[in-house]
Amino acid sequence: MASGAEVQYELAGVDRFRFRSFEGDQTGLVFDTLSGDTHLLNLLGFELGLLLQEGPGTKSQLMAAFDNPDTPQTGAELSAGDEFSRALDEQLSRLKLLGLIRAKAV
C-alpha cells in the first residue's frame, strides 16, 4: 500500500462470519462458515469484528466509533489515546493475519 495513504478495513465476507460472546467474558468467538474455523478473539478484536460487520472503516473511523456512546460495546474500557491506537493496530493486524478482514488503500 502506498505510504501515507489511508487504509480502509472490511470483513473478508459480511455473511461469512458468525460472532458470539458470553456475558461477563473478556473474549468472543468468530466462526468462519466458509472454512469451518473458529477463532477466539480478545474483547477489542471481537468488537472490531462487530463494527466491521456493519460496514468498512478506516482506523480513524474505527477509533471514533469506540468513542461514540451509541456504539454497542461489550464492556471494554477504551480510549482514543496512544495506547489504544497501538492496541487497535495490533488487533487489525491480527484480524488480517487470521483472514477475517481485508485492508485496502483509499
PDB file of N, CA and C in Angstrom:
ATOM      1  N   MET A   1       0.844  -1.188   0.000  1.00  0.00           N
ATOM      2  CA  MET A   1       0.000   0.000   0.000  1.00  0.00           C
ATOM      3  C   MET A   1       0.879   1.237   0.000  1.00  0.00           C
ATOM      4  N   ALA A   2       0.422   2.264  -0.633  1.00  0.00           N
ATOM      5  CA  ALA A   2       1.196   3.483  -0.763  1.00  0.00           C
ATOM      6  C   ALA A   2       1.408   4.134   0.594  1.00  0.00           C
ATOM      7  N   SER A   3       2.614   4.647   0.777  1.00  0.00           N
ATOM      8  CA  SER A   3       2.925   5.312   2.032  1.00  0.00           C
ATOM      9  C   SER A   3       2.085   6.579   2.161  1.00  0.00           C
ATOM     10  N   GLY A   4       1.510   6.786   3.335  1.00  0.00           N
ATOM     11  CA  GLY A   4       0.708   7.970   3.583  1.00  0.00           C
ATOM     12  C   GLY A   4      -0.753   7.820   3.201  1.00  0.00           C
ATOM     13  N   ALA A   5      -1.084   6.775   2.450  1.00  0.00           N
ATOM     14  CA  ALA A   5      -2.477   6.553   2.075  1.00  0.00           C
ATOM     15  C   ALA A   5      -3.241   6.010   3.282  1.00  0.00           C
ATOM     16  N   GLU A   6      -4.474   6.450   3.406  1.00  0.00           N
ATOM     17  CA  GLU A   6      -5.292   5.922   4.490  1.00  0.00           C
ATOM     18  C   GLU A   6      -5.773   4.531   4.091  1.00  0.00           C
ATOM     19  N   VAL A   7      -5.891   3.674   5.090  1.00  0.00           N
ATOM     20  CA  VAL A   7      -6.277   2.285   4.850  1.00  0.00           C
ATOM     21  C   VAL A   7      -7.704   2.074   5.337  1.00  0.00           C
ATOM     22  N   GLN A   8      -8.487   1.404   4.516  1.00  0.00           N
ATOM     23  CA  GLN A   8      -9.857   1.048   4.891  1.00  0.00           C
ATOM     24  C   GLN A   8      -9.904  -0.450   5.157  1.00  0.00           C
ATOM     25  N   TYR A   9     -10.557  -0.815   6.249  1.00  0.00           N
ATOM     26  CA  TYR A   9     -10.678  -2.211   6.647  1.00  0.00           C
ATOM     27  C   TYR A   9     -12.110  -2.672   6.441  1.00  0.00           C
ATOM     28  N   GLU A  10     -12.246  -3.946   6.060  1.00  0.00           N
ATOM     29  CA  GLU A  10     -13.568  -4.535   5.897  1.00  0.00           C
ATOM     30  C   GLU A  10     -13.478  -6.020   6.214  1.00  0.00           C
ATOM     31  N   LEU A  11     -14.601  -6.613   6.594  1.00  0.00           N
ATOM     32  CA  LEU A  11     -14.632  -8.059   6.799  1.00  0.00           C
ATOM     33  C   LEU A  11     -14.343  -8.759   5.485  1.00  0.00           C
ATOM     34  N   ALA A  12     -13.747  -9.928   5.564  1.00  0.00           N
ATOM     35  CA  ALA A  12     -13.437 -10.700   4.363  1.00  0.00           C
ATOM     36  C   ALA A  12     -14.696 -11.267   3.713  1.00  0.00           C
ATOM     37  N   GLY A  13     -15.825 -11.093   4.350  1.00  0.00           N
ATOM     38  CA  GLY A  13     -17.118 -11.515   3.813  1.00  0.00           C
ATOM     39  C   GLY A  13     -18.179 -11.259   4.866  1.00  0.00           C
ATOM     40  N   VAL A  14     -19.094 -10.358   4.600  1.00  0.00           N
ATOM     41  CA  VAL A  14     -20.057  -9.924   5.617  1.00  0.00           C
ATOM     42  C   VAL A  14     -20.904 -11.081   6.135  1.00  0.00           C
ATOM     43  N   ASP A  15     -21.400 -11.922   5.254  1.00  0.00           N
ATOM     44  CA  ASP A  15     -22.265 -13.028   5.680  1.00  0.00           C
ATOM     45  C   ASP A  15     -21.477 -14.289   6.026  1.00  0.00           C
ATOM     46  N   ARG A  16     -20.176 -14.209   5.959  1.00  0.00           N
ATOM     47  CA  ARG A  16     -19.309 -15.375   6.142  1.00  0.00           C
ATOM     48  C   ARG A  16     -19.071 -15.718   7.605  1.00  0.00           C
ATOM     49  N   PHE A  17     -19.156 -14.733   8.489  1.00  0.00           N
ATOM     50  CA  PHE A  17     -18.752 -14.925   9.881  1.00  0.00           C
ATOM     51  C   PHE A  17     -19.934 -14.850  10.836  1.00  0.00           C
ATOM     52  N   ARG A  18     -19.869 -15.657  11.883  1.00  0.00           N
ATOM     53  CA  ARG A  18     -20.853 -15.628  12.968  1.00  0.00           C
ATOM     54  C   ARG A  18     -20.115 -15.249  14.245  1.00  0.00           C
ATOM     55  N   PHE A  19     -20.592 -14.210  14.895  1.00  0.00           N
ATOM     56  CA  PHE A  19     -19.962 -13.693  16.111  1.00  0.00           C
ATOM     57  C   PHE A  19     -20.773 -14.113  17.325  1.00  0.00           C
ATOM     58  N   ARG A  20     -20.073 -14.507  18.386  1.00  0.00           N
ATOM     59  CA  ARG A  20     -20.759 -14.909  19.616  1.00  0.00           C
ATOM     60  C   ARG A  20     -19.891 -14.544  20.809  1.00  0.00           C
ATOM     61  N   SER A  21     -20.498 -13.896  21.790  1.00  0.00           N
ATOM     62  CA  SER A  21     -19.803 -13.614  23.043  1.00  0.00           C
ATOM     63  C   SER A  21     -20.707 -14.052  24.186  1.00  0.00           C
ATOM     64  N   PHE A  22     -20.128 -14.156  25.344  1.00  0.00           N
ATOM     65  CA  PHE A  22     -20.857 -14.577  26.523  1.00  0.00           C
ATOM     66  C   PHE A  22     -20.732 -13.498  27.583  1.00  0.00           C
ATOM     67  N   GLU A  23     -21.828 -13.164  28.218  1.00  0.00           N
ATOM     68  CA  GLU A  23     -21.863 -12.088  29.198  1.00  0.00           C
ATOM     69  C   GLU A  23     -20.792 -12.298  30.272  1.00  0.00           C
ATOM     70  N   GLY A  24     -20.068 -11.232  30.544  1.00  0.00           N
ATOM     71  CA  GLY A  24     -19.037 -11.272  31.568  1.00  0.00           C
ATOM     72  C   GLY A  24     -17.706 -11.829  31.098  1.00  0.00           C
ATOM     73  N   ASP A  25     -17.634 -12.313  29.866  1.00  0.00           N
ATOM     74  CA  ASP A  25     -16.394 -12.875  29.333  1.00  0.00           C
ATOM     75  C   ASP A  25     -15.624 -11.775  28.615  1.00  0.00           C
ATOM     76  N   GLN A  26     -14.320 -11.825  28.671  1.00  0.00           N
ATOM     77  CA  GLN A  26     -13.470 -10.832  28.017  1.00  0.00           C
ATOM     78  C   GLN A  26     -12.969 -11.316  26.664  1.00  0.00           C
ATOM     79  N   THR A  27     -13.657 -12.302  26.087  1.00  0.00           N
ATOM     80  CA  THR A  27     -13.303 -12.834  24.777  1.00  0.00           C
ATOM     81  C   THR A  27     -14.582 -13.042  23.969  1.00  0.00           C
ATOM     82  N   GLY A  28     -14.413 -13.340  22.712  1.00  0.00           N
ATOM     83  CA  GLY A  28     -15.535 -13.648  21.841  1.00  0.00           C
ATOM     84  C   GLY A  28     -15.107 -14.662  20.796  1.00  0.00           C
ATOM     85  N   LEU A  29     -16.073 -15.370  20.258  1.00  0.00           N
ATOM     86  CA  LEU A  29     -15.805 -16.376  19.241  1.00  0.00           C
ATOM     87  C   LEU A  29     -16.292 -15.891  17.886  1.00  0.00           C
ATOM     88  N   VAL A  30     -15.527 -16.223  16.857  1.00  0.00           N
ATOM     89  CA  VAL A  30     -15.923 -15.949  15.482  1.00  0.00           C
ATOM     90  C   VAL A  30     -15.825 -17.260  14.716  1.00  0.00           C
ATOM     91  N   PHE A  31     -16.935 -17.669  14.135  1.00  0.00           N
ATOM     92  CA  PHE A  31     -16.978 -18.883  13.332  1.00  0.00           C
ATOM     93  C   PHE A  31     -16.990 -18.491  11.866  1.00  0.00           C
ATOM     94  N   ASP A  32     -16.083 -19.066  11.099  1.00  0.00           N
ATOM     95  CA  ASP A  32     -15.986 -18.824   9.661  1.00  0.00           C
ATOM     96  C   ASP A  32     -16.783 -19.915   8.952  1.00  0.00           C
ATOM     97  N   THR A  33     -17.924 -19.546   8.391  1.00  0.00           N
ATOM     98  CA  THR A  33     -18.796 -20.529   7.753  1.00  0.00           C
ATOM     99  C   THR A  33     -18.201 -21.097   6.470  1.00  0.00           C
ATOM    100  N   LEU A  34     -17.220 -20.413   5.877  1.00  0.00           N
ATOM    101  CA  LEU A  34     -16.596 -20.889   4.647  1.00  0.00           C
ATOM    102  C   LEU A  34     -15.557 -21.973   4.934  1.00  0.00           C
ATOM    103  N   SER A  35     -14.690 -21.716   5.924  1.00  0.00           N
ATOM    104  CA  SER A  35     -13.604 -22.658   6.211  1.00  0.00           C
ATOM    105  C   SER A  35     -13.927 -23.626   7.345  1.00  0.00           C
ATOM    106  N   GLY A  36     -14.903 -23.269   8.177  1.00  0.00           N
ATOM    107  CA  GLY A  36     -15.211 -24.081   9.352  1.00  0.00           C
ATOM    108  C   GLY A  36     -14.337 -23.758  10.548  1.00  0.00           C
ATOM    109  N   ASP A  37     -13.442 -22.776  10.407  1.00  0.00           N
ATOM    110  CA  ASP A  37     -12.554 -22.383  11.505  1.00  0.00           C
ATOM    111  C   ASP A  37     -13.302 -21.564  12.540  1.00  0.00           C
ATOM    112  N   THR A  38     -12.907 -21.739  13.788  1.00  0.00           N
ATOM    113  CA  THR A  38     -13.417 -20.926  14.888  1.00  0.00           C
ATOM    114  C   THR A  38     -12.233 -20.207  15.506  1.00  0.00           C
ATOM    115  N   HIS A  39     -12.386 -18.902  15.736  1.00  0.00           N
ATOM    116  CA  HIS A  39     -11.314 -18.085  16.292  1.00  0.00           C
ATOM    117  C   HIS A  39     -11.761 -17.498  17.623  1.00  0.00           C
ATOM    118  N   LEU A  40     -10.867 -17.562  18.608  1.00  0.00           N
ATOM    119  CA  LEU A  40     -11.091 -16.932  19.903  1.00  0.00           C
ATOM    120  C   LEU A  40     -10.389 -15.583  19.870  1.00  0.00           C
ATOM    121  N   LEU A  41     -11.156 -14.502  20.051  1.00  0.00           N
ATOM    122  CA  LEU A  41     -10.610 -13.146  19.997  1.00  0.00           C
ATOM    123  C   LEU A  41     -10.726 -12.478  21.345  1.00  0.00           C
ATOM    124  N   ASN A  42      -9.779 -11.585  21.628  1.00  0.00           N
ATOM    125  CA  ASN A  42      -9.939 -10.771  22.825  1.00  0.00           C
ATOM    126  C   ASN A  42     -11.067  -9.782  22.579  1.00  0.00           C
ATOM    127  N   LEU A  43     -11.423  -9.054  23.608  1.00  0.00           N
ATOM    128  CA  LEU A  43     -12.593  -8.180  23.532  1.00  0.00           C
ATOM    129  C   LEU A  43     -12.467  -7.115  22.445  1.00  0.00           C
ATOM    130  N   LEU A  44     -11.298  -6.507  22.321  1.00  0.00           N
ATOM    131  CA  LEU A  44     -11.117  -5.475  21.300  1.00  0.00           C
ATOM    132  C   LEU A  44     -11.240  -6.065  19.902  1.00  0.00           C
ATOM    133  N   GLY A  45     -10.606  -7.192  19.654  1.00  0.00           N
ATOM    134  CA  GLY A  45     -10.703  -7.830  18.346  1.00  0.00           C
ATOM    135  C   GLY A  45     -12.135  -8.219  18.007  1.00  0.00           C
ATOM    136  N   PHE A  46     -12.858  -8.719  18.996  1.00  0.00           N
ATOM    137  CA  PHE A  46     -14.250  -9.099  18.798  1.00  0.00           C
ATOM    138  C   PHE A  46     -15.100  -7.875  18.451  1.00  0.00           C
ATOM    139  N   GLU A  47     -14.913  -6.785  19.200  1.00  0.00           N
ATOM    140  CA  GLU A  47     -15.693  -5.572  18.942  1.00  0.00           C
ATOM    141  C   GLU A  47     -15.345  -4.951  17.598  1.00  0.00           C
ATOM    142  N   LEU A  48     -14.087  -5.049  17.189  1.00  0.00           N
ATOM    143  CA  LEU A  48     -13.717  -4.582  15.851  1.00  0.00           C
ATOM    144  C   LEU A  48     -14.475  -5.373  14.784  1.00  0.00           C
ATOM    145  N   GLY A  49     -14.552  -6.681  14.971  1.00  0.00           N
ATOM    146  CA  GLY A  49     -15.300  -7.510  14.033  1.00  0.00           C
ATOM    147  C   GLY A  49     -16.752  -7.093  13.947  1.00  0.00           C
ATOM    148  N   LEU A  50     -17.356  -6.814  15.106  1.00  0.00           N
ATOM    149  CA  LEU A  50     -18.755  -6.371  15.112  1.00  0.00           C
ATOM    150  C   LEU A  50     -18.924  -5.040  14.396  1.00  0.00           C
ATOM    151  N   LEU A  51     -17.994  -4.111  14.620  1.00  0.00           N
ATOM    152  CA  LEU A  51     -18.064  -2.815  13.931  1.00  0.00           C
ATOM    153  C   LEU A  51     -17.921  -2.991  12.422  1.00  0.00           C
ATOM    154  N   LEU A  52     -16.978  -3.828  12.015  1.00  0.00           N
ATOM    155  CA  LEU A  52     -16.754  -4.024  10.583  1.00  0.00           C
ATOM    156  C   LEU A  52     -17.878  -4.837   9.939  1.00  0.00           C
ATOM    157  N   GLN A  53     -18.629  -5.559  10.736  1.00  0.00           N
ATOM    158  CA  GLN A  53     -19.793  -6.261  10.212  1.00  0.00           C
ATOM    159  C   GLN A  53     -20.849  -5.249   9.737  1.00  0.00           C
ATOM    160  N   GLU A  54     -20.856  -4.074  10.365  1.00  0.00           N
ATOM    161  CA  GLU A  54     -21.784  -3.013   9.973  1.00  0.00           C
ATOM    162  C   GLU A  54     -21.345  -2.301   8.705  1.00  0.00           C
ATOM    163  N   GLY A  55     -20.057  -2.364   8.385  1.00  0.00           N
ATOM    164  CA  GLY A  55     -19.538  -1.725   7.188  1.00  0.00           C
ATOM    165  C   GLY A  55     -18.068  -1.414   7.333  1.00  0.00           C
ATOM    166  N   PRO A  56     -17.383  -1.146   6.218  1.00  0.00           N
ATOM    167  CA  PRO A  56     -15.951  -0.869   6.255  1.00  0.00           C
ATOM    168  C   PRO A  56     -15.656   0.447   6.969  1.00  0.00           C
ATOM    169  N   GLY A  57     -14.396   0.574   7.399  1.00  0.00           N
ATOM    170  CA  GLY A  57     -13.981   1.810   8.046  1.00  0.00           C
ATOM    171  C   GLY A  57     -12.478   1.948   8.089  1.00  0.00           C
ATOM    172  N   THR A  58     -12.031   3.189   8.150  1.00  0.00           N
ATOM    173  CA  THR A  58     -10.610   3.486   8.317  1.00  0.00           C
ATOM    174  C   THR A  58     -10.277   3.406   9.802  1.00  0.00           C
ATOM    175  N   LYS A  59      -9.001   3.428  10.119  1.00  0.00           N
ATOM    176  CA  LYS A  59      -8.602   3.382  11.521  1.00  0.00           C
ATOM    177  C   LYS A  59      -9.197   4.562  12.284  1.00  0.00           C
ATOM    178  N   SER A  60      -9.160   5.747  11.701  1.00  0.00           N
ATOM    179  CA  SER A  60      -9.706   6.915  12.407  1.00  0.00           C
ATOM    180  C   SER A  60     -11.217   6.775  12.609  1.00  0.00           C
ATOM    181  N   GLN A  61     -11.921   6.197  11.644  1.00  0.00           N
ATOM    182  CA  GLN A  61     -13.361   5.973  11.805  1.00  0.00           C
ATOM    183  C   GLN A  61     -13.636   4.935  12.891  1.00  0.00           C
ATOM    184  N   LEU A  62     -12.821   3.893  12.934  1.00  0.00           N
ATOM    185  CA  LEU A  62     -12.988   2.872  13.967  1.00  0.00           C
ATOM    186  C   LEU A  62     -12.714   3.442  15.353  1.00  0.00           C
ATOM    187  N   MET A  63     -11.671   4.250  15.472  1.00  0.00           N
ATOM    188  CA  MET A  63     -11.365   4.878  16.760  1.00  0.00           C
ATOM    189  C   MET A  63     -12.522   5.777  17.199  1.00  0.00           C
ATOM    190  N   ALA A  64     -13.071   6.541  16.261  1.00  0.00           N
ATOM    191  CA  ALA A  64     -14.196   7.423  16.579  1.00  0.00           C
ATOM    192  C   ALA A  64     -15.416   6.614  17.016  1.00  0.00           C
ATOM    193  N   ALA A  65     -15.617   5.458  16.405  1.00  0.00           N
ATOM    194  CA  ALA A  65     -16.763   4.616  16.771  1.00  0.00           C
ATOM    195  C   ALA A  65     -16.653   4.140  18.212  1.00  0.00           C
ATOM    196  N   PHE A  66     -15.443   3.855  18.673  1.00  0.00           N
ATOM    197  CA  PHE A  66     -15.272   3.433  20.060  1.00  0.00           C
ATOM    198  C   PHE A  66     -15.513   4.580  21.037  1.00  0.00           C
ATOM    199  N   ASP A  67     -15.351   5.811  20.581  1.00  0.00           N
ATOM    200  CA  ASP A  67     -15.631   6.981  21.425  1.00  0.00           C
ATOM    201  C   ASP A  67     -17.106   7.361  21.402  1.00  0.00           C
ATOM    202  N   ASN A  68     -17.872   6.776  20.474  1.00  0.00           N
ATOM    203  CA  ASN A  68     -19.290   7.091  20.326  1.00  0.00           C
ATOM    204  C   ASN A  68     -20.098   6.323  21.371  1.00  0.00           C
ATOM    205  N   PRO A  69     -20.865   7.031  22.224  1.00  0.00           N
ATOM    206  CA  PRO A  69     -21.638   6.337  23.261  1.00  0.00           C
ATOM    207  C   PRO A  69     -22.730   5.435  22.704  1.00  0.00           C
ATOM    208  N   ASP A  70     -23.104   5.609  21.425  1.00  0.00           N
ATOM    209  CA  ASP A  70     -24.123   4.758  20.818  1.00  0.00           C
ATOM    210  C   ASP A  70     -23.557   3.438  20.298  1.00  0.00           C
ATOM    211  N   THR A  71     -22.223   3.311  20.279  1.00  0.00           N
ATOM    212  CA  THR A  71     -21.603   2.079  19.815  1.00  0.00           C
ATOM    213  C   THR A  71     -21.814   0.993  20.856  1.00  0.00           C
ATOM    214  N   PRO A  72     -22.445  -0.123  20.462  1.00  0.00           N
ATOM    215  CA  PRO A  72     -22.633  -1.196  21.438  1.00  0.00           C
ATOM    216  C   PRO A  72     -21.297  -1.843  21.757  1.00  0.00           C
ATOM    217  N   GLN A  73     -20.859  -1.725  22.992  1.00  0.00           N
ATOM    218  CA  GLN A  73     -19.610  -2.341  23.416  1.00  0.00           C
ATOM    219  C   GLN A  73     -19.915  -3.362  24.485  1.00  0.00           C
ATOM    220  N   THR A  74     -19.084  -4.369  24.544  1.00  0.00           N
ATOM    221  CA  THR A  74     -19.344  -5.469  25.459  1.00  0.00           C
ATOM    222  C   THR A  74     -18.570  -5.328  26.763  1.00  0.00           C
ATOM    223  N   GLY A  75     -18.156  -4.129  27.091  1.00  0.00           N
ATOM    224  CA  GLY A  75     -17.531  -3.915  28.385  1.00  0.00           C
ATOM    225  C   GLY A  75     -16.084  -3.466  28.349  1.00  0.00           C
ATOM    226  N   ALA A  76     -15.493  -3.321  27.189  1.00  0.00           N
ATOM    227  CA  ALA A  76     -14.103  -2.871  27.142  1.00  0.00           C
ATOM    228  C   ALA A  76     -14.024  -1.411  27.529  1.00  0.00           C
ATOM    229  N   GLU A  77     -13.062  -1.100  28.374  1.00  0.00           N
ATOM    230  CA  GLU A  77     -12.822   0.299  28.716  1.00  0.00           C
ATOM    231  C   GLU A  77     -11.761   0.800  27.749  1.00  0.00           C
ATOM    232  N   LEU A  78     -12.190   1.618  26.792  1.00  0.00           N
ATOM    233  CA  LEU A  78     -11.313   2.036  25.707  1.00  0.00           C
ATOM    234  C   LEU A  78     -11.236   3.544  25.642  1.00  0.00           C
ATOM    235  N   SER A  79     -10.094   4.036  25.187  1.00  0.00           N
ATOM    236  CA  SER A  79      -9.933   5.467  24.989  1.00  0.00           C
ATOM    237  C   SER A  79      -9.188   5.698  23.691  1.00  0.00           C
ATOM    238  N   ALA A  80      -9.187   6.919  23.226  1.00  0.00           N
ATOM    239  CA  ALA A  80      -8.580   7.245  21.937  1.00  0.00           C
ATOM    240  C   ALA A  80      -7.115   7.650  22.082  1.00  0.00           C
ATOM    241  N   GLY A  81      -6.451   7.299  23.173  1.00  0.00           N
ATOM    242  CA  GLY A  81      -5.059   7.657  23.393  1.00  0.00           C
ATOM    243  C   GLY A  81      -4.091   6.801  22.605  1.00  0.00           C
ATOM    244  N   ASP A  82      -2.791   7.082  22.786  1.00  0.00           N
ATOM    245  CA  ASP A  82      -1.745   6.347  22.076  1.00  0.00           C
ATOM    246  C   ASP A  82      -1.776   4.854  22.374  1.00  0.00           C
ATOM    247  N   GLU A  83      -2.040   4.494  23.620  1.00  0.00           N
ATOM    248  CA  GLU A  83      -2.086   3.080  23.996  1.00  0.00           C
ATOM    249  C   GLU A  83      -3.205   2.360  23.244  1.00  0.00           C
ATOM    250  N   PHE A  84      -4.358   3.003  23.155  1.00  0.00           N
ATOM    251  CA  PHE A  84      -5.466   2.402  22.418  1.00  0.00           C
ATOM    252  C   PHE A  84      -5.141   2.316  20.939  1.00  0.00           C
ATOM    253  N   SER A  85      -4.506   3.328  20.395  1.00  0.00           N
ATOM    254  CA  SER A  85      -4.131   3.332  18.985  1.00  0.00           C
ATOM    255  C   SER A  85      -3.210   2.151  18.668  1.00  0.00           C
ATOM    256  N   ARG A  86      -2.240   1.898  19.534  1.00  0.00           N
ATOM    257  CA  ARG A  86      -1.336   0.754  19.334  1.00  0.00           C
ATOM    258  C   ARG A  86      -2.098  -0.572  19.450  1.00  0.00           C
ATOM    259  N   ALA A  87      -2.990  -0.665  20.433  1.00  0.00           N
ATOM    260  CA  ALA A  87      -3.779  -1.890  20.604  1.00  0.00           C
ATOM    261  C   ALA A  87      -4.667  -2.130  19.378  1.00  0.00           C
ATOM    262  N   LEU A  88      -5.225  -1.057  18.847  1.00  0.00           N
ATOM    263  CA  LEU A  88      -6.060  -1.165  17.655  1.00  0.00           C
ATOM    264  C   LEU A  88      -5.241  -1.658  16.472  1.00  0.00           C
ATOM    265  N   ASP A  89      -4.040  -1.097  16.285  1.00  0.00           N
ATOM    266  CA  ASP A  89      -3.151  -1.544  15.211  1.00  0.00           C
ATOM    267  C   ASP A  89      -2.839  -3.035  15.341  1.00  0.00           C
ATOM    268  N   GLU A  90      -2.545  -3.468  16.562  1.00  0.00           N
ATOM    269  CA  GLU A  90      -2.224  -4.877  16.799  1.00  0.00           C
ATOM    270  C   GLU A  90      -3.398  -5.784  16.454  1.00  0.00           C
ATOM    271  N   GLN A  91      -4.591  -5.382  16.848  1.00  0.00           N
ATOM    272  CA  GLN A  91      -5.765  -6.207  16.578  1.00  0.00           C
ATOM    273  C   GLN A  91      -6.113  -6.219  15.094  1.00  0.00           C
ATOM    274  N   LEU A  92      -5.991  -5.087  14.430  1.00  0.00           N
ATOM    275  CA  LEU A  92      -6.245  -5.050  12.987  1.00  0.00           C
ATOM    276  C   LEU A  92      -5.265  -5.965  12.260  1.00  0.00           C
ATOM    277  N   SER A  93      -4.002  -5.944  12.663  1.00  0.00           N
ATOM    278  CA  SER A  93      -3.004  -6.827  12.051  1.00  0.00           C
ATOM    279  C   SER A  93      -3.344  -8.291  12.307  1.00  0.00           C
ATOM    280  N   ARG A  94      -3.763  -8.594  13.530  1.00  0.00           N
ATOM    281  CA  ARG A  94      -4.110  -9.977  13.879  1.00  0.00           C
ATOM    282  C   ARG A  94      -5.324 -10.454  13.083  1.00  0.00           C
ATOM    283  N   LEU A  95      -6.354  -9.623  13.001  1.00  0.00           N
ATOM    284  CA  LEU A  95      -7.555  -9.998  12.250  1.00  0.00           C
ATOM    285  C   LEU A  95      -7.235 -10.210  10.775  1.00  0.00           C
ATOM    286  N   LYS A  96      -6.330  -9.395  10.258  1.00  0.00           N
ATOM    287  CA  LYS A  96      -5.909  -9.540   8.859  1.00  0.00           C
ATOM    288  C   LYS A  96      -5.131 -10.843   8.673  1.00  0.00           C
ATOM    289  N   LEU A  97      -4.231 -11.145   9.595  1.00  0.00           N
ATOM    290  CA  LEU A  97      -3.444 -12.376   9.538  1.00  0.00           C
ATOM    291  C   LEU A  97      -4.343 -13.616   9.600  1.00  0.00           C
ATOM    292  N   LEU A  98      -5.410 -13.552  10.393  1.00  0.00           N
ATOM    293  CA  LEU A  98      -6.347 -14.662  10.503  1.00  0.00           C
ATOM    294  C   LEU A  98      -7.262 -14.794   9.287  1.00  0.00           C
ATOM    295  N   GLY A  99      -7.231 -13.794   8.418  1.00  0.00           N
ATOM    296  CA  GLY A  99      -8.080 -13.818   7.226  1.00  0.00           C
ATOM    297  C   GLY A  99      -9.503 -13.354   7.482  1.00  0.00           C
ATOM    298  N   LEU A 100      -9.717 -12.680   8.608  1.00  0.00           N
ATOM    299  CA  LEU A 100     -11.054 -12.202   8.946  1.00  0.00           C
ATOM    300  C   LEU A 100     -11.371 -10.856   8.304  1.00  0.00           C
ATOM    301  N   ILE A 101     -10.326 -10.054   8.049  1.00  0.00           N
ATOM    302  CA  ILE A 101     -10.533  -8.733   7.431  1.00  0.00           C
ATOM    303  C   ILE A 101      -9.580  -8.548   6.269  1.00  0.00           C
ATOM    304  N   ARG A 102      -9.919  -7.579   5.430  1.00  0.00           N
ATOM    305  CA  ARG A 102      -9.069  -7.138   4.314  1.00  0.00           C
ATOM    306  C   ARG A 102      -8.771  -5.659   4.515  1.00  0.00           C
ATOM    307  N   ALA A 103      -7.657  -5.231   3.962  1.00  0.00           N
ATOM    308  CA  ALA A 103      -7.271  -3.817   4.031  1.00  0.00           C
ATOM    309  C   ALA A 103      -6.955  -3.332   2.628  1.00  0.00           C
ATOM    310  N   LYS A 104      -7.378  -2.100   2.335  1.00  0.00           N
ATOM    311  CA  LYS A 104      -7.053  -1.511   1.036  1.00  0.00           C
ATOM    312  C   LYS A 104      -6.828  -0.018   1.215  1.00  0.00           C
ATOM    313  N   ALA A 105      -5.940   0.521   0.400  1.00  0.00           N
ATOM    314  CA  ALA A 105      -5.670   1.965   0.441  1.00  0.00           C
ATOM    315  C   ALA A 105      -6.843   2.710  -0.175  1.00  0.00           C
ATOM    316  N   VAL A 106      -7.191   3.816   0.438  1.00  0.00           N
ATOM    317  CA  VAL A 106      -8.273   4.654  -0.095  1.00  0.00           C
ATOM    318  C   VAL A 106      -7.784   6.068  -0.326  1.00  0.00           C
TER     319      VAL A 106
END
